[in-house]
Amino acid sequence: MAGHFEIIDAPDGRGFRVRLLDGAGALVATSMKYPTKRAAVAGISAIREVAGTGLIRDMSRGGHGEVIIPKSRPAQATARLHSHTRFPATDRGLRSL
């Protein structure tokens, strides 16, 4: 289900925002304000990098910053402390959804 990014004008007319839409066109996220289109494109590049590799950290009330591993991928779940050290998620106190 491929989505896409849109660069839009910021509400105040000064700068730009990025919207992420899913494959059906539904809004998934809206970015912070970027001063230029070039900065917005750089933000999209950063989002692409993080989205594919970023952990899910529960910062909600009662979450205590725990890393959440989706049940659909527990076999690949690992927590990375250093680029050369990998620990299974279950050994690091991570919880599954």
PDB file of N, CA and C in Angstrom:
ATOM      1  N   MET A   1       0.843  -1.162   0.000  1.00  0.00           N
ATOM      2  CA  MET A   1       0.000   0.000   0.000  1.00  0.00           C
ATOM      3  C   MET A   1       0.898   1.237   0.000  1.00  0.00           C
ATOM      4  N   ALA A   2       1.282   1.671  -1.154  1.00  0.00           N
ATOM      5  CA  ALA A   2       2.168   2.821  -1.274  1.00  0.00           C
ATOM      6  C   ALA A   2       1.388   4.118  -1.092  1.00  0.00           C
ATOM      7  N   GLY A   3       1.946   4.988  -0.315  1.00  0.00           N
ATOM      8  CA  GLY A   3       1.372   6.315  -0.136  1.00  0.00           C
ATOM      9  C   GLY A   3       2.253   7.318  -0.839  1.00  0.00           C
ATOM     10  N   HIS A   4       2.050   8.581  -0.508  1.00  0.00           N
ATOM     11  CA  HIS A   4       2.891   9.612  -1.110  1.00  0.00           C
ATOM     12  C   HIS A   4       2.963  10.835  -0.212  1.00  0.00           C
ATOM     13  N   PHE A   5       3.937  11.664  -0.493  1.00  0.00           N
ATOM     14  CA  PHE A   5       4.133  12.918   0.230  1.00  0.00           C
ATOM     15  C   PHE A   5       3.616  14.058  -0.637  1.00  0.00           C
ATOM     16  N   GLU A   6       3.115  15.095   0.015  1.00  0.00           N
ATOM     17  CA  GLU A   6       2.721  16.330  -0.661  1.00  0.00           C
ATOM     18  C   GLU A   6       3.379  17.499   0.059  1.00  0.00           C
ATOM     19  N   ILE A   7       3.927  18.414  -0.701  1.00  0.00           N
ATOM     20  CA  ILE A   7       4.439  19.668  -0.126  1.00  0.00           C
ATOM     21  C   ILE A   7       3.337  20.695  -0.315  1.00  0.00           C
ATOM     22  N   ILE A   8       2.931  21.311   0.791  1.00  0.00           N
ATOM     23  CA  ILE A   8       1.845  22.297   0.753  1.00  0.00           C
ATOM     24  C   ILE A   8       2.326  23.602   1.396  1.00  0.00           C
ATOM     25  N   ASP A   9       1.626  24.678   1.113  1.00  0.00           N
ATOM     26  CA  ASP A   9       1.933  25.953   1.759  1.00  0.00           C
ATOM     27  C   ASP A   9       1.561  25.876   3.233  1.00  0.00           C
ATOM     28  N   ALA A  10       2.375  26.500   4.078  1.00  0.00           N
ATOM     29  CA  ALA A  10       2.046  26.583   5.502  1.00  0.00           C
ATOM     30  C   ALA A  10       0.814  27.471   5.660  1.00  0.00           C
ATOM     31  N   PRO A  11       0.011  27.256   6.691  1.00  0.00           N
ATOM     32  CA  PRO A  11      -1.214  28.041   6.877  1.00  0.00           C
ATOM     33  C   PRO A  11      -0.987  29.550   6.936  1.00  0.00           C
ATOM     34  N   ASP A  12       0.161  29.983   7.451  1.00  0.00           N
ATOM     35  CA  ASP A  12       0.416  31.420   7.548  1.00  0.00           C
ATOM     36  C   ASP A  12       0.993  32.000   6.259  1.00  0.00           C
ATOM     37  N   GLY A  13       1.186  31.149   5.247  1.00  0.00           N
ATOM     38  CA  GLY A  13       1.704  31.612   3.968  1.00  0.00           C
ATOM     39  C   GLY A  13       3.208  31.796   3.931  1.00  0.00           C
ATOM     40  N   ARG A  14       3.856  31.535   5.045  1.00  0.00           N
ATOM     41  CA  ARG A  14       5.313  31.671   5.110  1.00  0.00           C
ATOM     42  C   ARG A  14       5.925  30.306   5.367  1.00  0.00           C
ATOM     43  N   GLY A  15       6.393  29.652   4.335  1.00  0.00           N
ATOM     44  CA  GLY A  15       7.003  28.345   4.487  1.00  0.00           C
ATOM     45  C   GLY A  15       6.118  27.251   3.928  1.00  0.00           C
ATOM     46  N   PHE A  16       6.507  26.029   4.245  1.00  0.00           N
ATOM     47  CA  PHE A  16       5.841  24.860   3.669  1.00  0.00           C
ATOM     48  C   PHE A  16       5.696  23.776   4.729  1.00  0.00           C
ATOM     49  N   ARG A  17       4.752  22.909   4.502  1.00  0.00           N
ATOM     50  CA  ARG A  17       4.565  21.710   5.310  1.00  0.00           C
ATOM     51  C   ARG A  17       4.544  20.512   4.382  1.00  0.00           C
ATOM     52  N   VAL A  18       4.749  19.339   4.960  1.00  0.00           N
ATOM     53  CA  VAL A  18       4.700  18.093   4.213  1.00  0.00           C
ATOM     54  C   VAL A  18       3.559  17.270   4.779  1.00  0.00           C
ATOM     55  N   ARG A  19       2.739  16.737   3.885  1.00  0.00           N
ATOM     56  CA  ARG A  19       1.682  15.804   4.295  1.00  0.00           C
ATOM     57  C   ARG A  19       2.054  14.425   3.785  1.00  0.00           C
ATOM     58  N   LEU A  20       1.813  13.410   4.605  1.00  0.00           N
ATOM     59  CA  LEU A  20       1.986  12.015   4.209  1.00  0.00           C
ATOM     60  C   LEU A  20       0.594  11.418   4.087  1.00  0.00           C
ATOM     61  N   LEU A  21       0.295  10.878   2.914  1.00  0.00           N
ATOM     62  CA  LEU A  21      -1.002  10.253   2.661  1.00  0.00           C
ATOM     63  C   LEU A  21      -0.802   8.777   2.372  1.00  0.00           C
ATOM     64  N   ASP A  22      -1.761   7.947   2.799  1.00  0.00           N
ATOM     65  CA  ASP A  22      -1.657   6.516   2.517  1.00  0.00           C
ATOM     66  C   ASP A  22      -2.108   6.230   1.091  1.00  0.00           C
ATOM     67  N   GLY A  23      -2.098   4.970   0.704  1.00  0.00           N
ATOM     68  CA  GLY A  23      -2.446   4.580  -0.656  1.00  0.00           C
ATOM     69  C   GLY A  23      -3.849   4.954  -1.071  1.00  0.00           C
ATOM     70  N   ALA A  24      -4.741   5.110  -0.096  1.00  0.00           N
ATOM     71  CA  ALA A  24      -6.128   5.492  -0.388  1.00  0.00           C
ATOM     72  C   ALA A  24      -6.317   7.012  -0.366  1.00  0.00           C
ATOM     73  N   GLY A  25      -5.255   7.752  -0.070  1.00  0.00           N
ATOM     74  CA  GLY A  25      -5.339   9.208  -0.037  1.00  0.00           C
ATOM     75  C   GLY A  25      -5.704   9.790   1.306  1.00  0.00           C
ATOM     76  N   ALA A  26      -5.784   8.948   2.342  1.00  0.00           N
ATOM     77  CA  ALA A  26      -6.113   9.439   3.683  1.00  0.00           C
ATOM     78  C   ALA A  26      -4.866  10.037   4.339  1.00  0.00           C
ATOM     79  N   LEU A  27      -5.044  11.121   5.050  1.00  0.00           N
ATOM     80  CA  LEU A  27      -3.951  11.802   5.734  1.00  0.00           C
ATOM     81  C   LEU A  27      -3.411  10.933   6.862  1.00  0.00           C
ATOM     82  N   VAL A  28      -2.108  10.724   6.861  1.00  0.00           N
ATOM     83  CA  VAL A  28      -1.441   9.953   7.899  1.00  0.00           C
ATOM     84  C   VAL A  28      -0.709  10.882   8.861  1.00  0.00           C
ATOM     85  N   ALA A  29      -0.023  11.897   8.318  1.00  0.00           N
ATOM     86  CA  ALA A  29       0.754  12.810   9.162  1.00  0.00           C
ATOM     87  C   ALA A  29       0.971  14.136   8.441  1.00  0.00           C
ATOM     88  N   THR A  30       1.170  15.173   9.239  1.00  0.00           N
ATOM     89  CA  THR A  30       1.528  16.493   8.736  1.00  0.00           C
ATOM     90  C   THR A  30       2.791  16.925   9.474  1.00  0.00           C
ATOM     91  N   SER A  31       3.724  17.488   8.749  1.00  0.00           N
ATOM     92  CA  SER A  31       5.015  17.857   9.332  1.00  0.00           C
ATOM     93  C   SER A  31       4.977  19.201  10.044  1.00  0.00           C
ATOM     94  N   MET A  32       6.111  19.521  10.602  1.00  0.00           N
ATOM     95  CA  MET A  32       6.370  20.871  11.104  1.00  0.00           C
ATOM     96  C   MET A  32       6.516  21.802   9.905  1.00  0.00           C
ATOM     97  N   LYS A  33       6.663  23.072  10.154  1.00  0.00           N
ATOM     98  CA  LYS A  33       6.829  24.043   9.069  1.00  0.00           C
ATOM     99  C   LYS A  33       8.297  24.102   8.648  1.00  0.00           C
ATOM    100  N   TYR A  34       8.512  24.096   7.341  1.00  0.00           N
ATOM    101  CA  TYR A  34       9.846  24.248   6.768  1.00  0.00           C
ATOM    102  C   TYR A  34       9.923  25.613   6.095  1.00  0.00           C
ATOM    103  N   PRO A  35      11.073  26.282   6.156  1.00  0.00           N
ATOM    104  CA  PRO A  35      11.174  27.620   5.575  1.00  0.00           C
ATOM    105  C   PRO A  35      11.222  27.631   4.044  1.00  0.00           C
ATOM    106  N   THR A  36      11.720  26.545   3.435  1.00  0.00           N
ATOM    107  CA  THR A  36      11.856  26.486   1.976  1.00  0.00           C
ATOM    108  C   THR A  36      11.401  25.118   1.460  1.00  0.00           C
ATOM    109  N   LYS A  37      11.147  25.041   0.160  1.00  0.00           N
ATOM    110  CA  LYS A  37      10.814  23.745  -0.440  1.00  0.00           C
ATOM    111  C   LYS A  37      11.993  22.793  -0.348  1.00  0.00           C
ATOM    112  N   ARG A  38      13.182  23.329  -0.513  1.00  0.00           N
ATOM    113  CA  ARG A  38      14.381  22.482  -0.402  1.00  0.00           C
ATOM    114  C   ARG A  38      14.458  21.849   0.985  1.00  0.00           C
ATOM    115  N   ALA A  39      14.154  22.608   2.019  1.00  0.00           N
ATOM    116  CA  ALA A  39      14.148  22.080   3.387  1.00  0.00           C
ATOM    117  C   ALA A  39      13.043  21.041   3.551  1.00  0.00           C
ATOM    118  N   ALA A  40      11.889  21.253   2.923  1.00  0.00           N
ATOM    119  CA  ALA A  40      10.799  20.280   2.988  1.00  0.00           C
ATOM    120  C   ALA A  40      11.206  18.967   2.331  1.00  0.00           C
ATOM    121  N   VAL A  41      11.875  19.047   1.187  1.00  0.00           N
ATOM    122  CA  VAL A  41      12.350  17.835   0.507  1.00  0.00           C
ATOM    123  C   VAL A  41      13.381  17.112   1.378  1.00  0.00           C
ATOM    124  N   ALA A  42      14.263  17.850   2.033  1.00  0.00           N
ATOM    125  CA  ALA A  42      15.231  17.241   2.951  1.00  0.00           C
ATOM    126  C   ALA A  42      14.504  16.570   4.117  1.00  0.00           C
ATOM    127  N   GLY A  43      13.421  17.199   4.594  1.00  0.00           N
ATOM    128  CA  GLY A  43      12.610  16.594   5.657  1.00  0.00           C
ATOM    129  C   GLY A  43      11.982  15.287   5.203  1.00  0.00           C
ATOM    130  N   ILE A  44      11.506  15.243   3.968  1.00  0.00           N
ATOM    131  CA  ILE A  44      10.933  14.007   3.424  1.00  0.00           C
ATOM    132  C   ILE A  44      12.006  12.920   3.380  1.00  0.00           C
ATOM    133  N   SER A  45      13.208  13.266   2.969  1.00  0.00           N
ATOM    134  CA  SER A  45      14.298  12.291   2.939  1.00  0.00           C
ATOM    135  C   SER A  45      14.573  11.739   4.334  1.00  0.00           C
ATOM    136  N   ALA A  46      14.563  12.614   5.328  1.00  0.00           N
ATOM    137  CA  ALA A  46      14.783  12.174   6.708  1.00  0.00           C
ATOM    138  C   ALA A  46      13.650  11.269   7.179  1.00  0.00           C
ATOM    139  N   ILE A  47      12.418  11.618   6.837  1.00  0.00           N
ATOM    140  CA  ILE A  47      11.264  10.797   7.221  1.00  0.00           C
ATOM    141  C   ILE A  47      11.378   9.411   6.600  1.00  0.00           C
ATOM    142  N   ARG A  48      11.741   9.350   5.329  1.00  0.00           N
ATOM    143  CA  ARG A  48      11.908   8.051   4.656  1.00  0.00           C
ATOM    144  C   ARG A  48      12.956   7.206   5.356  1.00  0.00           C
ATOM    145  N   GLU A  49      14.050   7.805   5.766  1.00  0.00           N
ATOM    146  CA  GLU A  49      15.125   7.076   6.433  1.00  0.00           C
ATOM    147  C   GLU A  49      14.657   6.526   7.784  1.00  0.00           C
ATOM    148  N   VAL A  50      14.019   7.369   8.569  1.00  0.00           N
ATOM    149  CA  VAL A  50      13.586   6.966   9.909  1.00  0.00           C
ATOM    150  C   VAL A  50      12.425   5.970   9.852  1.00  0.00           C
ATOM    151  N   ALA A  51      11.487   6.184   8.949  1.00  0.00           N
ATOM    152  CA  ALA A  51      10.290   5.352   8.897  1.00  0.00           C
ATOM    153  C   ALA A  51      10.618   3.889   8.638  1.00  0.00           C
ATOM    154  N   GLY A  52      11.635   3.625   7.846  1.00  0.00           N
ATOM    155  CA  GLY A  52      11.986   2.248   7.535  1.00  0.00           C
ATOM    156  C   GLY A  52      12.760   1.548   8.631  1.00  0.00           C
ATOM    157  N   THR A  53      13.365   2.295   9.527  1.00  0.00           N
ATOM    158  CA  THR A  53      14.240   1.684  10.521  1.00  0.00           C
ATOM    159  C   THR A  53      13.928   2.086  11.960  1.00  0.00           C
ATOM    160  N   GLY A  54      13.082   3.082  12.144  1.00  0.00           N
ATOM    161  CA  GLY A  54      12.847   3.620  13.481  1.00  0.00           C
ATOM    162  C   GLY A  54      12.060   2.695  14.383  1.00  0.00           C
ATOM    163  N   LEU A  55      12.432   2.677  15.653  1.00  0.00           N
ATOM    164  CA  LEU A  55      11.701   1.918  16.658  1.00  0.00           C
ATOM    165  C   LEU A  55      10.424   2.658  17.032  1.00  0.00           C
ATOM    166  N   ILE A  56       9.496   1.960  17.633  1.00  0.00           N
ATOM    167  CA  ILE A  56       8.276   2.565  18.166  1.00  0.00           C
ATOM    168  C   ILE A  56       8.487   2.690  19.666  1.00  0.00           C
ATOM    169  N   ARG A  57       8.542   3.902  20.164  1.00  0.00           N
ATOM    170  CA  ARG A  57       8.751   4.135  21.584  1.00  0.00           C
ATOM    171  C   ARG A  57       7.468   4.703  22.181  1.00  0.00           C
ATOM    172  N   ASP A  58       6.949   4.043  23.234  1.00  0.00           N
ATOM    173  CA  ASP A  58       5.695   4.443  23.867  1.00  0.00           C
ATOM    174  C   ASP A  58       5.950   5.546  24.878  1.00  0.00           C
ATOM    175  N   MET A  59       5.654   6.786  24.481  1.00  0.00           N
ATOM    176  CA  MET A  59       5.844   7.925  25.363  1.00  0.00           C
ATOM    177  C   MET A  59       4.501   8.409  25.935  1.00  0.00           C
ATOM    178  N   SER A  60       3.450   7.606  25.759  1.00  0.00           N
ATOM    179  CA  SER A  60       2.147   7.965  26.309  1.00  0.00           C
ATOM    180  C   SER A  60       2.150   7.778  27.827  1.00  0.00           C
ATOM    181  N   ARG A  61       1.097   8.276  28.473  1.00  0.00           N
ATOM    182  CA  ARG A  61       0.982   8.139  29.920  1.00  0.00           C
ATOM    183  C   ARG A  61       1.055   6.660  30.285  1.00  0.00           C
ATOM    184  N   GLY A  62       1.968   6.307  31.144  1.00  0.00           N
ATOM    185  CA  GLY A  62       2.139   4.925  31.564  1.00  0.00           C
ATOM    186  C   GLY A  62       3.037   4.108  30.654  1.00  0.00           C
ATOM    187  N   GLY A  63       3.489   4.679  29.540  1.00  0.00           N
ATOM    188  CA  GLY A  63       4.321   3.935  28.610  1.00  0.00           C
ATOM    189  C   GLY A  63       5.774   3.852  29.025  1.00  0.00           C
ATOM    190  N   HIS A  64       6.253   4.832  29.757  1.00  0.00           N
ATOM    191  CA  HIS A  64       7.606   4.863  30.302  1.00  0.00           C
ATOM    192  C   HIS A  64       8.697   4.732  29.242  1.00  0.00           C
ATOM    193  N   GLY A  65       8.412   5.094  28.009  1.00  0.00           N
ATOM    194  CA  GLY A  65       9.434   5.062  26.969  1.00  0.00           C
ATOM    195  C   GLY A  65       9.788   3.684  26.455  1.00  0.00           C
ATOM    196  N   GLU A  66       8.966   2.680  26.784  1.00  0.00           N
ATOM    197  CA  GLU A  66       9.250   1.319  26.336  1.00  0.00           C
ATOM    198  C   GLU A  66       9.184   1.224  24.821  1.00  0.00           C
ATOM    199  N   VAL A  67       9.999   0.350  24.254  1.00  0.00           N
ATOM    200  CA  VAL A  67       9.958   0.097  22.821  1.00  0.00           C
ATOM    201  C   VAL A  67       8.909  -0.977  22.563  1.00  0.00           C
ATOM    202  N   ILE A  68       8.054  -0.719  21.578  1.00  0.00           N
ATOM    203  CA  ILE A  68       6.982  -1.649  21.227  1.00  0.00           C
ATOM    204  C   ILE A  68       7.353  -2.345  19.929  1.00  0.00           C
ATOM    205  N   ILE A  69       7.249  -3.647  19.921  1.00  0.00           N
ATOM    206  CA  ILE A  69       7.513  -4.442  18.729  1.00  0.00           C
ATOM    207  C   ILE A  69       6.171  -4.961  18.219  1.00  0.00           C
ATOM    208  N   PRO A  70       5.745  -4.575  17.004  1.00  0.00           N
ATOM    209  CA  PRO A  70       4.473  -5.081  16.471  1.00  0.00           C
ATOM    210  C   PRO A  70       4.481  -6.599  16.374  1.00  0.00           C
ATOM    211  N   LYS A  71       3.369  -7.236  16.682  1.00  0.00           N
ATOM    212  CA  LYS A  71       3.280  -8.690  16.646  1.00  0.00           C
ATOM    213  C   LYS A  71       3.540  -9.264  15.265  1.00  0.00           C
ATOM    214  N   SER A  72       3.346  -8.466  14.226  1.00  0.00           N
ATOM    215  CA  SER A  72       3.548  -8.976  12.881  1.00  0.00           C
ATOM    216  C   SER A  72       5.018  -9.217  12.565  1.00  0.00           C
ATOM    217  N   ARG A  73       5.946  -8.695  13.379  1.00  0.00           N
ATOM    218  CA  ARG A  73       7.363  -8.843  13.068  1.00  0.00           C
ATOM    219  C   ARG A  73       8.212  -9.214  14.282  1.00  0.00           C
ATOM    220  N   PRO A  74       7.731 -10.051  15.221  1.00  0.00           N
ATOM    221  CA  PRO A  74       8.542 -10.307  16.407  1.00  0.00           C
ATOM    222  C   PRO A  74       9.830 -11.066  16.116  1.00  0.00           C
ATOM    223  N   ALA A  75       9.867 -11.875  15.062  1.00  0.00           N
ATOM    224  CA  ALA A  75      11.067 -12.639  14.768  1.00  0.00           C
ATOM    225  C   ALA A  75      12.237 -11.740  14.395  1.00  0.00           C
ATOM    226  N   GLN A  76      11.949 -10.597  13.758  1.00  0.00           N
ATOM    227  CA  GLN A  76      13.024  -9.702  13.364  1.00  0.00           C
ATOM    228  C   GLN A  76      13.291  -8.632  14.412  1.00  0.00           C
ATOM    229  N   ALA A  77      12.549  -8.625  15.491  1.00  0.00           N
ATOM    230  CA  ALA A  77      12.646  -7.546  16.475  1.00  0.00           C
ATOM    231  C   ALA A  77      13.984  -7.588  17.198  1.00  0.00           C
ATOM    232  N   THR A  78      14.681  -6.487  17.141  1.00  0.00           N
ATOM    233  CA  THR A  78      15.925  -6.349  17.885  1.00  0.00           C
ATOM    234  C   THR A  78      16.035  -4.918  18.365  1.00  0.00           C
ATOM    235  N   ALA A  79      16.779  -4.753  19.404  1.00  0.00           N
ATOM    236  CA  ALA A  79      17.089  -3.402  19.870  1.00  0.00           C
ATOM    237  C   ALA A  79      18.562  -3.171  19.582  1.00  0.00           C
ATOM    238  N   ARG A  80      18.885  -2.057  19.000  1.00  0.00           N
ATOM    239  CA  ARG A  80      20.268  -1.782  18.632  1.00  0.00           C
ATOM    240  C   ARG A  80      20.826  -0.728  19.584  1.00  0.00           C
ATOM    241  N   LEU A  81      21.844  -1.111  20.336  1.00  0.00           N
ATOM    242  CA  LEU A  81      22.497  -0.160  21.222  1.00  0.00           C
ATOM    243  C   LEU A  81      23.675   0.502  20.527  1.00  0.00           C
ATOM    244  N   HIS A  82      24.415  -0.279  19.795  1.00  0.00           N
ATOM    245  CA  HIS A  82      25.551   0.206  19.019  1.00  0.00           C
ATOM    246  C   HIS A  82      25.479  -0.466  17.663  1.00  0.00           C
ATOM    247  N   SER A  83      26.121   0.103  16.669  1.00  0.00           N
ATOM    248  CA  SER A  83      26.044  -0.464  15.331  1.00  0.00           C
ATOM    249  C   SER A  83      26.600  -1.881  15.279  1.00  0.00           C
ATOM    250  N   HIS A  84      27.456  -2.247  16.216  1.00  0.00           N
ATOM    251  CA  HIS A  84      28.061  -3.577  16.186  1.00  0.00           C
ATOM    252  C   HIS A  84      27.458  -4.524  17.228  1.00  0.00           C
ATOM    253  N   THR A  85      26.476  -4.082  17.999  1.00  0.00           N
ATOM    254  CA  THR A  85      25.890  -4.901  19.051  1.00  0.00           C
ATOM    255  C   THR A  85      24.386  -5.003  18.857  1.00  0.00           C
ATOM    256  N   ARG A  86      23.863  -6.221  18.736  1.00  0.00           N
ATOM    257  CA  ARG A  86      22.421  -6.423  18.589  1.00  0.00           C
ATOM    258  C   ARG A  86      21.957  -7.392  19.667  1.00  0.00           C
ATOM    259  N   PHE A  87      20.832  -7.082  20.271  1.00  0.00           N
ATOM    260  CA  PHE A  87      20.260  -7.930  21.298  1.00  0.00           C
ATOM    261  C   PHE A  87      18.830  -8.273  20.904  1.00  0.00           C
ATOM    262  N   PRO A  88      18.401  -9.529  21.107  1.00  0.00           N
ATOM    263  CA  PRO A  88      16.994  -9.856  20.838  1.00  0.00           C
ATOM    264  C   PRO A  88      16.076  -8.981  21.676  1.00  0.00           C
ATOM    265  N   ALA A  89      14.965  -8.590  21.097  1.00  0.00           N
ATOM    266  CA  ALA A  89      14.032  -7.692  21.775  1.00  0.00           C
ATOM    267  C   ALA A  89      13.553  -8.273  23.095  1.00  0.00           C
ATOM    268  N   THR A  90      13.331  -9.569  23.141  1.00  0.00           N
ATOM    269  CA  THR A  90      12.820 -10.178  24.365  1.00  0.00           C
ATOM    270  C   THR A  90      13.830 -10.110  25.501  1.00  0.00           C
ATOM    271  N   ASP A  91      15.106 -10.031  25.182  1.00  0.00           N
ATOM    272  CA  ASP A  91      16.136  -9.926  26.212  1.00  0.00           C
ATOM    273  C   ASP A  91      16.295  -8.507  26.740  1.00  0.00           C
ATOM    274  N   ARG A  92      15.725  -7.534  26.070  1.00  0.00           N
ATOM    275  CA  ARG A  92      15.902  -6.147  26.446  1.00  0.00           C
ATOM    276  C   ARG A  92      14.663  -5.568  27.138  1.00  0.00           C
ATOM    277  N   GLY A  93      13.702  -6.407  27.487  1.00  0.00           N
ATOM    278  CA  GLY A  93      12.512  -5.905  28.161  1.00  0.00           C
ATOM    279  C   GLY A  93      11.567  -5.174  27.247  1.00  0.00           C
ATOM    280  N   LEU A  94      11.622  -5.461  25.965  1.00  0.00           N
ATOM    281  CA  LEU A  94      10.724  -4.810  25.005  1.00  0.00           C
ATOM    282  C   LEU A  94       9.410  -5.562  25.006  1.00  0.00           C
ATOM    283  N   ARG A  95       8.347  -4.865  24.710  1.00  0.00           N
ATOM    284  CA  ARG A  95       7.055  -5.534  24.747  1.00  0.00           C
ATOM    285  C   ARG A  95       6.421  -5.545  23.362  1.00  0.00           C
ATOM    286  N   SER A  96       5.631  -6.569  23.124  1.00  0.00           N
ATOM    287  CA  SER A  96       4.929  -6.694  21.846  1.00  0.00           C
ATOM    288  C   SER A  96       3.521  -6.170  21.965  1.00  0.00           C
ATOM    289  N   LEU A  97       2.991  -5.704  20.847  1.00  0.00           N
ATOM    290  CA  LEU A  97       1.586  -5.280  20.780  1.00  0.00           C
ATOM    291  C   LEU A  97       0.743  -6.411  20.283  1.00  0.00           C
TER     292      LEU A  97
END
